[in-house]
Amino acid sequence: MTLSQKVLERVAELEDAAPHELEEPLFEAVDPDALDQVFRTQPNGPRRAEGRIRFSYYGYEVVAYADGRVSVQDPTRMN
């Protein structure tokens, strides 16, 4: 599953909806293709095992990590 798919799945789960039912397209927050490609290992390059991208989507704070993890948190419930 790609990072963009993971984001959509997690947000949909928190919204108690299916991913296709989310009213705001992911591309309004981040370029899904770029998100899926940014941590991919390049044919003649080093493995991209570190890093993260943080953005807001659907009222949530999203962090996508190079290792494939995705964190989605409601900012009103953070600390």
PDB file of N, CA and C in Angstrom:
ATOM      1  N   MET A   1       0.844  -1.168   0.000  1.00  0.00           N
ATOM      2  CA  MET A   1       0.000   0.000   0.000  1.00  0.00           C
ATOM      3  C   MET A   1       0.897   1.242   0.000  1.00  0.00           C
ATOM      4  N   THR A   2       0.571   2.211  -0.817  1.00  0.00           N
ATOM      5  CA  THR A   2       1.374   3.426  -0.905  1.00  0.00           C
ATOM      6  C   THR A   2       1.110   4.336   0.290  1.00  0.00           C
ATOM      7  N   LEU A   3       1.993   5.308   0.482  1.00  0.00           N
ATOM      8  CA  LEU A   3       1.797   6.266   1.570  1.00  0.00           C
ATOM      9  C   LEU A   3       0.487   7.028   1.398  1.00  0.00           C
ATOM     10  N   SER A   4       0.172   7.439   0.186  1.00  0.00           N
ATOM     11  CA  SER A   4      -1.070   8.197  -0.021  1.00  0.00           C
ATOM     12  C   SER A   4      -2.290   7.328   0.288  1.00  0.00           C
ATOM     13  N   GLN A   5      -2.238   6.068  -0.059  1.00  0.00           N
ATOM     14  CA  GLN A   5      -3.340   5.163   0.276  1.00  0.00           C
ATOM     15  C   GLN A   5      -3.466   4.989   1.787  1.00  0.00           C
ATOM     16  N   LYS A   6      -2.332   4.889   2.466  1.00  0.00           N
ATOM     17  CA  LYS A   6      -2.356   4.758   3.923  1.00  0.00           C
ATOM     18  C   LYS A   6      -2.979   5.987   4.579  1.00  0.00           C
ATOM     19  N   VAL A   7      -2.638   7.168   4.078  1.00  0.00           N
ATOM     20  CA  VAL A   7      -3.220   8.401   4.612  1.00  0.00           C
ATOM     21  C   VAL A   7      -4.732   8.383   4.437  1.00  0.00           C
ATOM     22  N   LEU A   8      -5.179   8.075   3.235  1.00  0.00           N
ATOM     23  CA  LEU A   8      -6.618   8.045   2.974  1.00  0.00           C
ATOM     24  C   LEU A   8      -7.334   7.010   3.837  1.00  0.00           C
ATOM     25  N   GLU A   9      -6.762   5.837   3.967  1.00  0.00           N
ATOM     26  CA  GLU A   9      -7.369   4.776   4.773  1.00  0.00           C
ATOM     27  C   GLU A   9      -7.493   5.203   6.234  1.00  0.00           C
ATOM     28  N   ARG A  10      -6.422   5.784   6.773  1.00  0.00           N
ATOM     29  CA  ARG A  10      -6.414   6.162   8.191  1.00  0.00           C
ATOM     30  C   ARG A  10      -7.398   7.302   8.456  1.00  0.00           C
ATOM     31  N   VAL A  11      -7.407   8.321   7.602  1.00  0.00           N
ATOM     32  CA  VAL A  11      -8.337   9.434   7.790  1.00  0.00           C
ATOM     33  C   VAL A  11      -9.778   8.940   7.651  1.00  0.00           C
ATOM     34  N   ALA A  12     -10.028   8.105   6.671  1.00  0.00           N
ATOM     35  CA  ALA A  12     -11.379   7.554   6.490  1.00  0.00           C
ATOM     36  C   ALA A  12     -11.805   6.759   7.723  1.00  0.00           C
ATOM     37  N   GLU A  13     -10.885   5.996   8.278  1.00  0.00           N
ATOM     38  CA  GLU A  13     -11.187   5.229   9.485  1.00  0.00           C
ATOM     39  C   GLU A  13     -11.581   6.164  10.635  1.00  0.00           C
ATOM     40  N   LEU A  14     -10.825   7.239  10.811  1.00  0.00           N
ATOM     41  CA  LEU A  14     -11.125   8.197  11.878  1.00  0.00           C
ATOM     42  C   LEU A  14     -12.450   8.924  11.641  1.00  0.00           C
ATOM     43  N   GLU A  15     -12.810   9.084  10.379  1.00  0.00           N
ATOM     44  CA  GLU A  15     -14.055   9.755  10.017  1.00  0.00           C
ATOM     45  C   GLU A  15     -15.228   8.781   9.913  1.00  0.00           C
ATOM     46  N   ASP A  16     -14.961   7.508  10.153  1.00  0.00           N
ATOM     47  CA  ASP A  16     -15.978   6.463  10.042  1.00  0.00           C
ATOM     48  C   ASP A  16     -16.625   6.494   8.651  1.00  0.00           C
ATOM     49  N   ALA A  17     -15.764   6.498   7.651  1.00  0.00           N
ATOM     50  CA  ALA A  17     -16.205   6.577   6.254  1.00  0.00           C
ATOM     51  C   ALA A  17     -15.281   5.727   5.391  1.00  0.00           C
ATOM     52  N   ALA A  18     -15.683   5.541   4.161  1.00  0.00           N
ATOM     53  CA  ALA A  18     -14.813   4.894   3.176  1.00  0.00           C
ATOM     54  C   ALA A  18     -13.922   5.969   2.555  1.00  0.00           C
ATOM     55  N   PRO A  19     -12.721   5.612   2.126  1.00  0.00           N
ATOM     56  CA  PRO A  19     -11.834   6.621   1.537  1.00  0.00           C
ATOM     57  C   PRO A  19     -12.482   7.427   0.403  1.00  0.00           C
ATOM     58  N   HIS A  20     -13.275   6.771  -0.434  1.00  0.00           N
ATOM     59  CA  HIS A  20     -13.895   7.493  -1.547  1.00  0.00           C
ATOM     60  C   HIS A  20     -15.010   8.439  -1.090  1.00  0.00           C
ATOM     61  N   GLU A  21     -15.417   8.334   0.172  1.00  0.00           N
ATOM     62  CA  GLU A  21     -16.453   9.211   0.708  1.00  0.00           C
ATOM     63  C   GLU A  21     -15.903  10.508   1.304  1.00  0.00           C
ATOM     64  N   LEU A  22     -14.593  10.615   1.438  1.00  0.00           N
ATOM     65  CA  LEU A  22     -13.993  11.831   1.977  1.00  0.00           C
ATOM     66  C   LEU A  22     -14.228  12.972   0.991  1.00  0.00           C
ATOM     67  N   GLU A  23     -14.731  14.087   1.504  1.00  0.00           N
ATOM     68  CA  GLU A  23     -15.126  15.193   0.636  1.00  0.00           C
ATOM     69  C   GLU A  23     -13.946  16.011   0.121  1.00  0.00           C
ATOM     70  N   GLU A  24     -12.851  16.041   0.854  1.00  0.00           N
ATOM     71  CA  GLU A  24     -11.681  16.812   0.442  1.00  0.00           C
ATOM     72  C   GLU A  24     -10.676  15.892  -0.237  1.00  0.00           C
ATOM     73  N   PRO A  25     -10.356  16.151  -1.496  1.00  0.00           N
ATOM     74  CA  PRO A  25      -9.351  15.316  -2.169  1.00  0.00           C
ATOM     75  C   PRO A  25      -7.975  15.497  -1.528  1.00  0.00           C
ATOM     76  N   LEU A  26      -7.233  14.422  -1.451  1.00  0.00           N
ATOM     77  CA  LEU A  26      -5.898  14.479  -0.864  1.00  0.00           C
ATOM     78  C   LEU A  26      -5.013  15.470  -1.611  1.00  0.00           C
ATOM     79  N   PHE A  27      -5.202  15.608  -2.917  1.00  0.00           N
ATOM     80  CA  PHE A  27      -4.329  16.493  -3.701  1.00  0.00           C
ATOM     81  C   PHE A  27      -4.470  17.959  -3.317  1.00  0.00           C
ATOM     82  N   GLU A  28      -5.500  18.311  -2.552  1.00  0.00           N
ATOM     83  CA  GLU A  28      -5.616  19.690  -2.072  1.00  0.00           C
ATOM     84  C   GLU A  28      -4.662  19.957  -0.915  1.00  0.00           C
ATOM     85  N   ALA A  29      -4.145  18.902  -0.304  1.00  0.00           N
ATOM     86  CA  ALA A  29      -3.209  19.039   0.814  1.00  0.00           C
ATOM     87  C   ALA A  29      -1.774  18.720   0.406  1.00  0.00           C
ATOM     88  N   VAL A  30      -1.621  17.716  -0.452  1.00  0.00           N
ATOM     89  CA  VAL A  30      -0.292  17.249  -0.850  1.00  0.00           C
ATOM     90  C   VAL A  30      -0.439  16.530  -2.195  1.00  0.00           C
ATOM     91  N   ASP A  31       0.613  16.545  -2.990  1.00  0.00           N
ATOM     92  CA  ASP A  31       0.596  15.825  -4.259  1.00  0.00           C
ATOM     93  C   ASP A  31       0.754  14.332  -3.966  1.00  0.00           C
ATOM     94  N   PRO A  32      -0.302  13.524  -4.152  1.00  0.00           N
ATOM     95  CA  PRO A  32      -0.215  12.098  -3.811  1.00  0.00           C
ATOM     96  C   PRO A  32       0.895  11.357  -4.551  1.00  0.00           C
ATOM     97  N   ASP A  33       1.107  11.684  -5.817  1.00  0.00           N
ATOM     98  CA  ASP A  33       2.169  11.018  -6.575  1.00  0.00           C
ATOM     99  C   ASP A  33       3.542  11.342  -5.999  1.00  0.00           C
ATOM    100  N   ALA A  34       3.747  12.602  -5.646  1.00  0.00           N
ATOM    101  CA  ALA A  34       5.026  13.001  -5.051  1.00  0.00           C
ATOM    102  C   ALA A  34       5.211  12.329  -3.693  1.00  0.00           C
ATOM    103  N   LEU A  35       4.147  12.260  -2.901  1.00  0.00           N
ATOM    104  CA  LEU A  35       4.217  11.599  -1.604  1.00  0.00           C
ATOM    105  C   LEU A  35       4.623  10.137  -1.759  1.00  0.00           C
ATOM    106  N   ASP A  36       4.065   9.472  -2.760  1.00  0.00           N
ATOM    107  CA  ASP A  36       4.380   8.060  -2.991  1.00  0.00           C
ATOM    108  C   ASP A  36       5.804   7.854  -3.511  1.00  0.00           C
ATOM    109  N   GLN A  37       6.364   8.861  -4.160  1.00  0.00           N
ATOM    110  CA  GLN A  37       7.687   8.719  -4.779  1.00  0.00           C
ATOM    111  C   GLN A  37       8.853   9.234  -3.934  1.00  0.00           C
ATOM    112  N   VAL A  38       8.583  10.159  -3.024  1.00  0.00           N
ATOM    113  CA  VAL A  38       9.672  10.874  -2.357  1.00  0.00           C
ATOM    114  C   VAL A  38      10.638   9.970  -1.592  1.00  0.00           C
ATOM    115  N   PHE A  39      10.171   8.899  -1.010  1.00  0.00           N
ATOM    116  CA  PHE A  39      11.053   8.032  -0.235  1.00  0.00           C
ATOM    117  C   PHE A  39      11.466   6.765  -0.979  1.00  0.00           C
ATOM    118  N   ARG A  40      11.059   6.633  -2.217  1.00  0.00           N
ATOM    119  CA  ARG A  40      11.437   5.439  -2.989  1.00  0.00           C
ATOM    120  C   ARG A  40      12.920   5.462  -3.312  1.00  0.00           C
ATOM    121  N   THR A  41      13.537   4.303  -3.265  1.00  0.00           N
ATOM    122  CA  THR A  41      14.942   4.182  -3.621  1.00  0.00           C
ATOM    123  C   THR A  41      15.080   4.374  -5.124  1.00  0.00           C
ATOM    124  N   GLN A  42      16.014   5.194  -5.506  1.00  0.00           N
ATOM    125  CA  GLN A  42      16.275   5.453  -6.917  1.00  0.00           C
ATOM    126  C   GLN A  42      17.178   4.354  -7.468  1.00  0.00           C
ATOM    127  N   PRO A  43      17.058   4.022  -8.760  1.00  0.00           N
ATOM    128  CA  PRO A  43      17.839   2.925  -9.332  1.00  0.00           C
ATOM    129  C   PRO A  43      19.345   3.005  -9.059  1.00  0.00           C
ATOM    130  N   ASN A  44      19.919   4.192  -9.162  1.00  0.00           N
ATOM    131  CA  ASN A  44      21.360   4.339  -8.959  1.00  0.00           C
ATOM    132  C   ASN A  44      21.672   5.179  -7.729  1.00  0.00           C
ATOM    133  N   GLY A  45      20.750   5.218  -6.779  1.00  0.00           N
ATOM    134  CA  GLY A  45      20.949   6.059  -5.616  1.00  0.00           C
ATOM    135  C   GLY A  45      20.865   5.285  -4.320  1.00  0.00           C
ATOM    136  N   PRO A  46      21.116   5.975  -3.239  1.00  0.00           N
ATOM    137  CA  PRO A  46      21.069   5.322  -1.930  1.00  0.00           C
ATOM    138  C   PRO A  46      19.627   5.054  -1.500  1.00  0.00           C
ATOM    139  N   ARG A  47      19.480   4.127  -0.580  1.00  0.00           N
ATOM    140  CA  ARG A  47      18.182   3.824   0.002  1.00  0.00           C
ATOM    141  C   ARG A  47      17.748   5.026   0.841  1.00  0.00           C
ATOM    142  N   ARG A  48      16.503   5.418   0.719  1.00  0.00           N
ATOM    143  CA  ARG A  48      15.986   6.560   1.471  1.00  0.00           C
ATOM    144  C   ARG A  48      15.251   6.034   2.705  1.00  0.00           C
ATOM    145  N   ALA A  49      15.992   5.800   3.765  1.00  0.00           N
ATOM    146  CA  ALA A  49      15.435   5.160   4.954  1.00  0.00           C
ATOM    147  C   ALA A  49      15.080   6.148   6.056  1.00  0.00           C
ATOM    148  N   GLU A  50      15.408   7.397   5.877  1.00  0.00           N
ATOM    149  CA  GLU A  50      15.150   8.381   6.917  1.00  0.00           C
ATOM    150  C   GLU A  50      14.369   9.551   6.346  1.00  0.00           C
ATOM    151  N   GLY A  51      13.647  10.220   7.223  1.00  0.00           N
ATOM    152  CA  GLY A  51      12.932  11.422   6.842  1.00  0.00           C
ATOM    153  C   GLY A  51      11.447  11.304   7.094  1.00  0.00           C
ATOM    154  N   ARG A  52      10.794  12.448   7.010  1.00  0.00           N
ATOM    155  CA  ARG A  52       9.347  12.484   7.192  1.00  0.00           C
ATOM    156  C   ARG A  52       8.786  13.716   6.510  1.00  0.00           C
ATOM    157  N   ILE A  53       7.516  13.653   6.207  1.00  0.00           N
ATOM    158  CA  ILE A  53       6.789  14.772   5.619  1.00  0.00           C
ATOM    159  C   ILE A  53       5.577  15.015   6.504  1.00  0.00           C
ATOM    160  N   ARG A  54       5.391  16.257   6.887  1.00  0.00           N
ATOM    161  CA  ARG A  54       4.269  16.634   7.754  1.00  0.00           C
ATOM    162  C   ARG A  54       3.355  17.585   6.981  1.00  0.00           C
ATOM    163  N   PHE A  55       2.056  17.323   7.061  1.00  0.00           N
ATOM    164  CA  PHE A  55       1.081  18.198   6.426  1.00  0.00           C
ATOM    165  C   PHE A  55      -0.275  18.041   7.093  1.00  0.00           C
ATOM    166  N   SER A  56      -1.164  18.963   6.834  1.00  0.00           N
ATOM    167  CA  SER A  56      -2.527  18.907   7.358  1.00  0.00           C
ATOM    168  C   SER A  56      -3.456  18.415   6.268  1.00  0.00           C
ATOM    169  N   TYR A  57      -4.379  17.554   6.668  1.00  0.00           N
ATOM    170  CA  TYR A  57      -5.375  17.048   5.725  1.00  0.00           C
ATOM    171  C   TYR A  57      -6.644  16.704   6.482  1.00  0.00           C
ATOM    172  N   TYR A  58      -7.740  17.218   6.020  1.00  0.00           N
ATOM    173  CA  TYR A  58      -9.068  16.904   6.551  1.00  0.00           C
ATOM    174  C   TYR A  58      -9.180  17.251   8.032  1.00  0.00           C
ATOM    175  N   GLY A  59      -8.419  18.264   8.445  1.00  0.00           N
ATOM    176  CA  GLY A  59      -8.433  18.688   9.838  1.00  0.00           C
ATOM    177  C   GLY A  59      -7.495  17.907  10.734  1.00  0.00           C
ATOM    178  N   TYR A  60      -6.721  16.999  10.173  1.00  0.00           N
ATOM    179  CA  TYR A  60      -5.782  16.170  10.932  1.00  0.00           C
ATOM    180  C   TYR A  60      -4.348  16.575  10.614  1.00  0.00           C
ATOM    181  N   GLU A  61      -3.464  16.312  11.565  1.00  0.00           N
ATOM    182  CA  GLU A  61      -2.035  16.470  11.357  1.00  0.00           C
ATOM    183  C   GLU A  61      -1.499  15.110  10.912  1.00  0.00           C
ATOM    184  N   VAL A  62      -0.911  15.082   9.731  1.00  0.00           N
ATOM    185  CA  VAL A  62      -0.433  13.841   9.137  1.00  0.00           C
ATOM    186  C   VAL A  62       1.091  13.874   9.062  1.00  0.00           C
ATOM    187  N   VAL A  63       1.714  12.758   9.421  1.00  0.00           N
ATOM    188  CA  VAL A  63       3.155  12.612   9.243  1.00  0.00           C
ATOM    189  C   VAL A  63       3.380  11.295   8.510  1.00  0.00           C
ATOM    190  N   ALA A  64       4.042  11.375   7.362  1.00  0.00           N
ATOM    191  CA  ALA A  64       4.405  10.192   6.582  1.00  0.00           C
ATOM    192  C   ALA A  64       5.912  10.004   6.715  1.00  0.00           C
ATOM    193  N   TYR A  65       6.309   8.801   7.096  1.00  0.00           N
ATOM    194  CA  TYR A  65       7.717   8.506   7.367  1.00  0.00           C
ATOM    195  C   TYR A  65       8.336   7.687   6.233  1.00  0.00           C
ATOM    196  N   ALA A  66       9.639   7.830   6.090  1.00  0.00           N
ATOM    197  CA  ALA A  66      10.368   7.113   5.042  1.00  0.00           C
ATOM    198  C   ALA A  66      10.231   5.604   5.161  1.00  0.00           C
ATOM    199  N   ASP A  67      10.030   5.102   6.367  1.00  0.00           N
ATOM    200  CA  ASP A  67       9.910   3.649   6.551  1.00  0.00           C
ATOM    201  C   ASP A  67       8.507   3.121   6.248  1.00  0.00           C
ATOM    202  N   GLY A  68       7.612   4.009   5.790  1.00  0.00           N
ATOM    203  CA  GLY A  68       6.276   3.581   5.387  1.00  0.00           C
ATOM    204  C   GLY A  68       5.190   3.802   6.419  1.00  0.00           C
ATOM    205  N   ARG A  69       5.572   4.220   7.612  1.00  0.00           N
ATOM    206  CA  ARG A  69       4.560   4.494   8.636  1.00  0.00           C
ATOM    207  C   ARG A  69       3.829   5.793   8.328  1.00  0.00           C
ATOM    208  N   VAL A  70       2.585   5.865   8.784  1.00  0.00           N
ATOM    209  CA  VAL A  70       1.788   7.080   8.662  1.00  0.00           C
ATOM    210  C   VAL A  70       1.129   7.335  10.008  1.00  0.00           C
ATOM    211  N   SER A  71       1.276   8.549  10.504  1.00  0.00           N
ATOM    212  CA  SER A  71       0.635   8.969  11.738  1.00  0.00           C
ATOM    213  C   SER A  71      -0.410  10.023  11.389  1.00  0.00           C
ATOM    214  N   VAL A  72      -1.626   9.847  11.885  1.00  0.00           N
ATOM    215  CA  VAL A  72      -2.703  10.808  11.656  1.00  0.00           C
ATOM    216  C   VAL A  72      -3.303  11.138  13.013  1.00  0.00           C
ATOM    217  N   GLN A  73      -3.218  12.415  13.407  1.00  0.00           N
ATOM    218  CA  GLN A  73      -3.718  12.813  14.713  1.00  0.00           C
ATOM    219  C   GLN A  73      -4.640  14.015  14.605  1.00  0.00           C
ATOM    220  N   ASP A  74      -5.630  14.026  15.462  1.00  0.00           N
ATOM    221  CA  ASP A  74      -6.534  15.163  15.588  1.00  0.00           C
ATOM    222  C   ASP A  74      -5.808  16.229  16.402  1.00  0.00           C
ATOM    223  N   PRO A  75      -5.528  17.405  15.836  1.00  0.00           N
ATOM    224  CA  PRO A  75      -4.758  18.419  16.570  1.00  0.00           C
ATOM    225  C   PRO A  75      -5.469  18.919  17.830  1.00  0.00           C
ATOM    226  N   THR A  76      -6.782  18.784  17.891  1.00  0.00           N
ATOM    227  CA  THR A  76      -7.508  19.224  19.083  1.00  0.00           C
ATOM    228  C   THR A  76      -7.339  18.244  20.229  1.00  0.00           C
ATOM    229  N   ARG A  77      -6.829  17.053  19.945  1.00  0.00           N
ATOM    230  CA  ARG A  77      -6.634  16.034  20.986  1.00  0.00           C
ATOM    231  C   ARG A  77      -5.166  15.775  21.276  1.00  0.00           C
ATOM    232  N   MET A  78      -4.303  16.551  20.656  1.00  0.00           N
ATOM    233  CA  MET A  78      -2.863  16.368  20.885  1.00  0.00           C
ATOM    234  C   MET A  78      -2.463  17.085  22.170  1.00  0.00           C
ATOM    235  N   ASN A  79      -1.819  16.364  23.050  1.00  0.00           N
ATOM    236  CA  ASN A  79      -1.342  16.882  24.346  1.00  0.00           C
ATOM    237  C   ASN A  79      -2.334  17.823  24.931  1.00  0.00           C
TER     238      ASN A  79
END
